[in-house]
Protein backbone atom coordinates (compact mmCIF):
# COMPACT_ATOMS: atom_id res chain seq x y z
CA UNK A 1 -80.40 -19.37 36.73
CA UNK A 2 -77.00 -20.97 36.96
CA UNK A 3 -75.07 -20.75 39.67
CA UNK A 4 -71.28 -18.88 39.97
CA UNK A 5 -68.30 -21.04 38.02
CA UNK A 6 -65.74 -21.69 41.70
CA UNK A 7 -62.51 -20.16 41.86
CA UNK A 8 -61.35 -23.74 41.54
CA UNK A 9 -63.37 -23.68 38.18
CA UNK A 10 -61.97 -20.12 36.64
CA UNK A 11 -58.93 -21.23 37.21
CA UNK A 12 -59.02 -25.18 35.00
CA UNK A 13 -60.39 -22.78 32.63
CA UNK A 14 -57.92 -20.70 32.04
CA UNK A 15 -55.54 -21.86 28.92
CA UNK A 16 -52.92 -23.37 29.68
CA UNK A 17 -50.19 -20.15 27.36
CA UNK A 18 -51.33 -16.72 28.00
CA UNK A 19 -51.83 -14.44 24.72
CA UNK A 20 -50.00 -12.35 26.35
CA UNK A 21 -47.18 -14.23 26.73
CA UNK A 22 -47.66 -15.65 23.64
CA UNK A 23 -46.94 -11.79 21.71
CA UNK A 24 -44.31 -12.05 24.06
CA UNK A 25 -42.63 -15.02 22.84
CA UNK A 26 -43.68 -13.94 19.48
CA UNK A 27 -41.49 -10.50 19.93
CA UNK A 28 -38.10 -12.61 20.99
CA UNK A 29 -38.10 -14.62 18.53
CA UNK A 30 -38.14 -12.13 15.29
CA UNK A 31 -35.95 -9.41 18.15
CA UNK A 32 -33.47 -12.82 17.77
CA UNK A 33 -34.44 -13.48 14.72
CA UNK A 34 -33.26 -10.06 13.04
CA UNK A 35 -30.07 -9.92 16.20
CA UNK A 36 -29.38 -12.89 13.49
CA UNK A 37 -29.31 -11.34 10.02
CA UNK A 38 -27.92 -8.35 11.48
CA UNK A 39 -24.76 -10.35 12.97
CA UNK A 40 -24.79 -12.31 9.25
CA UNK A 41 -24.66 -9.46 7.55
CA UNK A 42 -21.43 -6.86 9.96
CA UNK A 43 -19.89 -10.76 9.79
CA UNK A 44 -19.66 -11.38 6.43
CA UNK A 45 -18.48 -7.20 6.35
CA UNK A 46 -16.10 -7.68 8.78
CA UNK A 47 -14.65 -10.32 7.54
CA UNK A 48 -14.46 -8.95 3.71
CA UNK A 49 -12.99 -5.43 5.58
CA UNK A 50 -10.38 -7.76 7.15
CA UNK A 51 -9.34 -9.90 3.92
CA UNK A 52 -8.59 -6.69 2.31
CA UNK A 53 -6.32 -5.75 5.37
CA UNK A 54 -6.64 -2.24 4.54
CA UNK A 55 -6.54 -2.47 0.05
CA UNK A 56 -9.37 -1.09 -2.49
CA UNK A 57 -9.51 -2.46 -5.47
CA UNK A 58 -11.04 1.07 -6.39
CA UNK A 59 -10.03 3.10 -9.79
CA UNK A 60 -11.67 6.08 -8.09
CA UNK A 61 -9.02 9.17 -8.80
CA UNK A 62 -7.64 10.26 -5.85
CA UNK A 63 -6.04 14.16 -6.19
CA UNK A 64 -2.37 14.69 -4.02
CA UNK A 65 -1.23 18.24 -3.58
CA UNK A 66 2.91 17.62 -2.63
CA UNK A 67 4.80 20.82 -2.10
CA UNK A 68 4.28 22.44 -5.84
CA UNK A 69 2.92 18.57 -7.18
CA UNK A 70 -0.66 17.58 -8.27
CA UNK A 71 -0.22 14.11 -8.89
CA UNK A 72 -3.70 12.47 -9.91
CA UNK A 73 -3.30 8.32 -8.62
CA UNK A 74 -5.89 5.36 -8.42
CA UNK A 75 -6.85 4.65 -4.54
CA UNK A 76 -6.30 1.15 -5.90
CA UNK A 77 -2.72 1.89 -5.71
CA UNK A 78 -2.96 4.46 -2.57
CA UNK A 79 -1.22 1.92 0.18
CA UNK A 80 -3.10 3.50 3.43
CA UNK A 81 -6.73 3.85 3.78
CA UNK A 82 -5.99 7.23 5.72
CA UNK A 83 -4.22 8.83 1.80
CA UNK A 84 -6.50 7.90 -0.18
CA UNK A 85 -8.87 11.41 0.27
CA UNK A 86 -8.20 14.45 -2.22
CA UNK A 87 -6.60 17.33 -0.83
CA UNK A 88 -2.72 18.34 0.03
CA UNK A 89 -0.89 16.18 2.05
CA UNK A 90 2.72 16.13 3.41
CA UNK A 91 2.97 11.97 1.52
CA UNK A 92 1.44 9.30 -0.48
CA UNK A 93 2.47 5.98 0.07
CA UNK A 94 1.65 3.90 -2.80
CA UNK A 95 1.79 -0.09 -3.67
CA UNK A 96 2.61 -1.32 -7.08
CA UNK A 97 3.11 -4.46 -8.72
CA UNK A 98 6.70 -5.22 -10.46
CA UNK A 99 6.98 -5.57 -13.03
CA UNK A 100 3.61 -4.58 -14.54
CA UNK A 101 3.57 -1.19 -12.43
CA UNK A 102 -0.37 -2.20 -11.34
CA UNK A 103 -1.70 -1.33 -7.75
CA UNK A 104 -4.41 -3.81 -5.91
CA UNK A 105 -7.03 -5.63 -7.58
CA UNK A 106 -8.75 -9.22 -6.56
CA UNK A 107 -7.00 -11.09 -8.98
CA UNK A 108 -2.76 -10.32 -7.50
CA UNK A 109 -4.65 -10.58 -4.33
CA UNK A 110 -1.47 -12.87 -3.09
CA UNK A 111 1.00 -10.08 -3.81
CA UNK A 112 -0.89 -8.29 -1.53
CA UNK A 113 -0.97 -10.41 0.67
CA UNK A 114 1.39 -13.51 1.02
CA UNK A 115 5.00 -11.70 2.45
CA UNK A 116 6.45 -14.96 0.34
CA UNK A 117 5.22 -13.20 -2.89
CA UNK A 118 5.91 -9.91 -1.79
CA UNK A 119 9.19 -9.32 -3.56
CA UNK A 120 7.65 -9.00 -6.35
CA UNK A 121 5.67 -5.59 -5.04
CA UNK A 122 8.09 -2.15 -5.21
CA UNK A 123 6.44 0.13 -2.69
CA UNK A 124 7.13 4.17 -3.23
CA UNK A 125 7.62 7.16 -0.33
CA UNK A 126 6.35 10.30 -2.32
CA UNK A 127 7.41 14.06 -0.43
CA UNK A 128 8.80 16.87 -0.73
CA UNK A 129 12.10 17.17 -1.53
CA UNK A 130 14.32 18.31 0.94
CA UNK A 131 18.13 18.12 -0.37
CA UNK A 132 19.01 20.23 -3.93
CA UNK A 133 19.62 16.44 -5.00
CA UNK A 134 18.97 13.08 -5.27
CA UNK A 135 20.82 9.39 -4.80
CA UNK A 136 22.67 9.90 -7.61
CA UNK A 137 22.93 13.18 -7.24
CA UNK A 138 24.84 12.71 -3.94
CA UNK A 139 27.36 9.50 -4.68
CA UNK A 140 30.69 12.33 -5.75
CA UNK A 141 29.90 14.97 -2.66
CA UNK A 142 28.89 12.94 -0.76
CA UNK A 143 28.14 8.81 -0.39
CA UNK A 144 32.07 8.98 -2.27
CA UNK A 145 33.44 10.32 1.20
CA UNK A 146 30.97 7.04 3.22
CA UNK A 147 33.41 4.54 0.81
CA UNK A 148 34.70 1.59 3.60
CA UNK A 149 37.80 0.30 1.35
CA UNK A 150 37.82 -0.17 -2.26
CA UNK A 151 35.65 -1.09 -4.40
CA UNK A 152 34.79 -4.71 -5.67
CA UNK A 153 32.01 -6.17 -8.62
CA UNK A 154 28.12 -6.10 -7.57
CA UNK A 155 25.68 -8.66 -8.56
CA UNK A 156 23.89 -7.35 -12.68
CA UNK A 157 26.94 -5.40 -13.05
CA UNK A 158 26.56 -3.15 -11.11
CA UNK A 159 30.13 -2.14 -8.85
CA UNK A 160 29.48 -2.48 -4.85
CA UNK A 161 31.16 0.04 -2.89
CA UNK A 162 30.49 -0.83 1.47
CA UNK A 163 29.92 2.11 4.07
CA UNK A 164 31.11 2.80 7.32
CA UNK A 165 29.51 1.14 10.09
CA UNK A 166 30.24 4.67 11.62
CA UNK A 167 28.03 6.36 9.91
CA UNK A 168 24.71 4.90 10.46
CA UNK A 169 25.34 2.52 6.96
CA UNK A 170 25.59 -0.90 9.25
CA UNK A 171 25.60 -3.36 6.38
CA UNK A 172 24.23 -1.74 3.61
CA UNK A 173 26.48 -1.84 0.23
CA UNK A 174 25.80 0.92 -2.27
CA UNK A 175 25.31 -0.18 -6.09
CA UNK A 176 26.41 1.82 -8.63
CA UNK A 177 26.68 1.87 -12.25
CA UNK A 178 27.87 4.84 -15.52
CA UNK A 179 24.68 5.66 -17.38
CA UNK A 180 25.96 7.62 -20.20
CA UNK A 181 24.49 10.60 -21.09
CA UNK A 182 23.13 10.34 -17.71
CA UNK A 183 24.63 10.91 -13.65
CA UNK A 184 25.37 7.45 -12.40
CA UNK A 185 22.83 5.43 -11.06
CA UNK A 186 23.01 4.49 -7.54
CA UNK A 187 21.11 2.48 -4.83
CA UNK A 188 20.97 1.15 -1.30
CA UNK A 189 21.00 -2.00 -0.07
CA UNK A 190 20.81 -4.40 2.01
CA UNK A 191 22.14 -7.81 0.70
CA UNK A 192 21.01 -10.70 1.67
CA UNK A 193 23.09 -13.81 2.26
CA UNK A 194 21.08 -16.24 -0.49
CA UNK A 195 18.08 -14.98 -2.14
CA UNK A 196 16.27 -16.89 -0.20
CA UNK A 197 16.45 -14.79 2.46
CA UNK A 198 15.65 -11.21 0.61
CA UNK A 199 13.16 -8.73 2.21
CA UNK A 200 10.15 -6.72 -0.27
CA UNK A 201 12.65 -3.84 0.56
CA UNK A 202 16.13 -4.13 0.65
CA UNK A 203 17.46 -2.45 -1.87
CA UNK A 204 16.40 1.25 -1.92
CA UNK A 205 16.82 4.49 -4.42
CA UNK A 206 15.57 8.55 -4.65
CA UNK A 207 14.55 10.27 -7.04
CA UNK A 208 13.61 13.97 -8.35
CA UNK A 209 10.78 14.18 -9.96
CA UNK A 210 8.63 17.30 -11.13
CA UNK A 211 9.20 20.34 -9.59
CA UNK A 212 9.58 19.05 -6.44
CA UNK A 213 9.19 15.34 -5.56
CA UNK A 214 11.82 12.96 -3.85
CA UNK A 215 10.23 9.67 -4.74
CA UNK A 216 12.19 6.83 -2.43
CA UNK A 217 10.93 4.02 -3.66
CA UNK A 218 11.98 0.10 -1.90
CA UNK A 219 12.58 -3.37 -3.65
CA UNK A 220 14.07 -6.63 -3.46
CA UNK A 221 17.20 -7.52 -4.36
CA UNK A 222 15.76 -10.13 -5.79
CA UNK A 223 14.76 -7.22 -9.04
CA UNK A 224 18.25 -6.37 -8.72
CA UNK A 225 18.54 -7.64 -11.96
CA UNK A 226 15.86 -5.23 -13.31
CA UNK A 227 17.19 -2.14 -12.29
CA UNK A 228 17.69 0.16 -15.63
CA UNK A 229 13.90 -1.19 -16.35
CA UNK A 230 12.40 -0.56 -12.59
CA UNK A 231 14.17 3.21 -12.77
CA UNK A 232 11.86 4.48 -16.17
CA UNK A 233 8.96 2.93 -15.17
CA UNK A 234 9.23 4.31 -11.61
CA UNK A 235 9.57 8.44 -13.38
CA UNK A 236 7.68 6.79 -15.93
CA UNK A 237 4.58 6.12 -13.97
CA UNK A 238 4.89 9.14 -11.86
CA UNK A 239 5.51 12.22 -14.98
CA UNK A 240 2.50 10.21 -16.73
CA UNK A 241 0.32 11.09 -13.05
CA UNK A 242 1.40 15.45 -12.91
CA UNK A 243 -1.95 16.71 -13.33
CA UNK A 244 0.55 19.01 -15.41
CA UNK A 245 1.26 16.52 -18.05
CA UNK A 246 -2.25 14.50 -18.28
CA UNK A 247 -3.45 15.74 -21.47
CA UNK A 248 -6.86 17.69 -21.20
CA UNK A 249 -9.05 14.53 -22.39
CA UNK A 250 -8.20 12.13 -19.52
CA UNK A 251 -8.10 15.42 -17.63
CA UNK A 252 -12.18 15.46 -18.26
CA UNK A 253 -12.32 12.08 -17.82
CA UNK A 254 -11.07 11.36 -14.22
CA UNK A 255 -7.63 11.30 -15.21
CA UNK A 256 -8.26 7.17 -16.42
């Protein structure tokens, strides 16, 4: 009968790597592989989110009610992600390319991301009216009382009026122009010393649209030469998106 193996022989017969160790090692490799995939996918997703910087190319219709007016807008025209929801709101902020009047798209990404190209954008802030008159309507009763000195020739055929610094308009000028059959055009600007110093919003004007909307729009002073076309385009953009003005067929199709 064979004698029992000695303790030393038993130790020598044990495998150098136990099955338990192999199992733990395999499980560890699987976990690391899963983490690598998760980091890769998550990093790609986060990278896309960072590169979009809050923009979206989605043209999903968003229905927003402000005061007595309801608008149907596309998500890519709404500037802030928190405002891309259906329902009642106090305000909604839009950004659009000029002169196309289009929202964000991958093709125009640099116009939205590159500050040196942002002068080709228009920024709109839509709220319920708190004043009975828009900027043109305030020209006679209010702004005429705040002008400082004589009027002088401004850019693009506009007439410039300095505004009193003590009235809170330090450095601003009011630019006006007559419009046959309409109140005079009026826009407030901080005119730069040179076109290269213009910002994306150094001019602003507000207009009343719909039942009770106030639409304040800001644009670069480099675009002042388009003041007539821009004013008409802003009005048309909002008016055609008021639910009351959308044709039934368009409403059934989601307002597109």
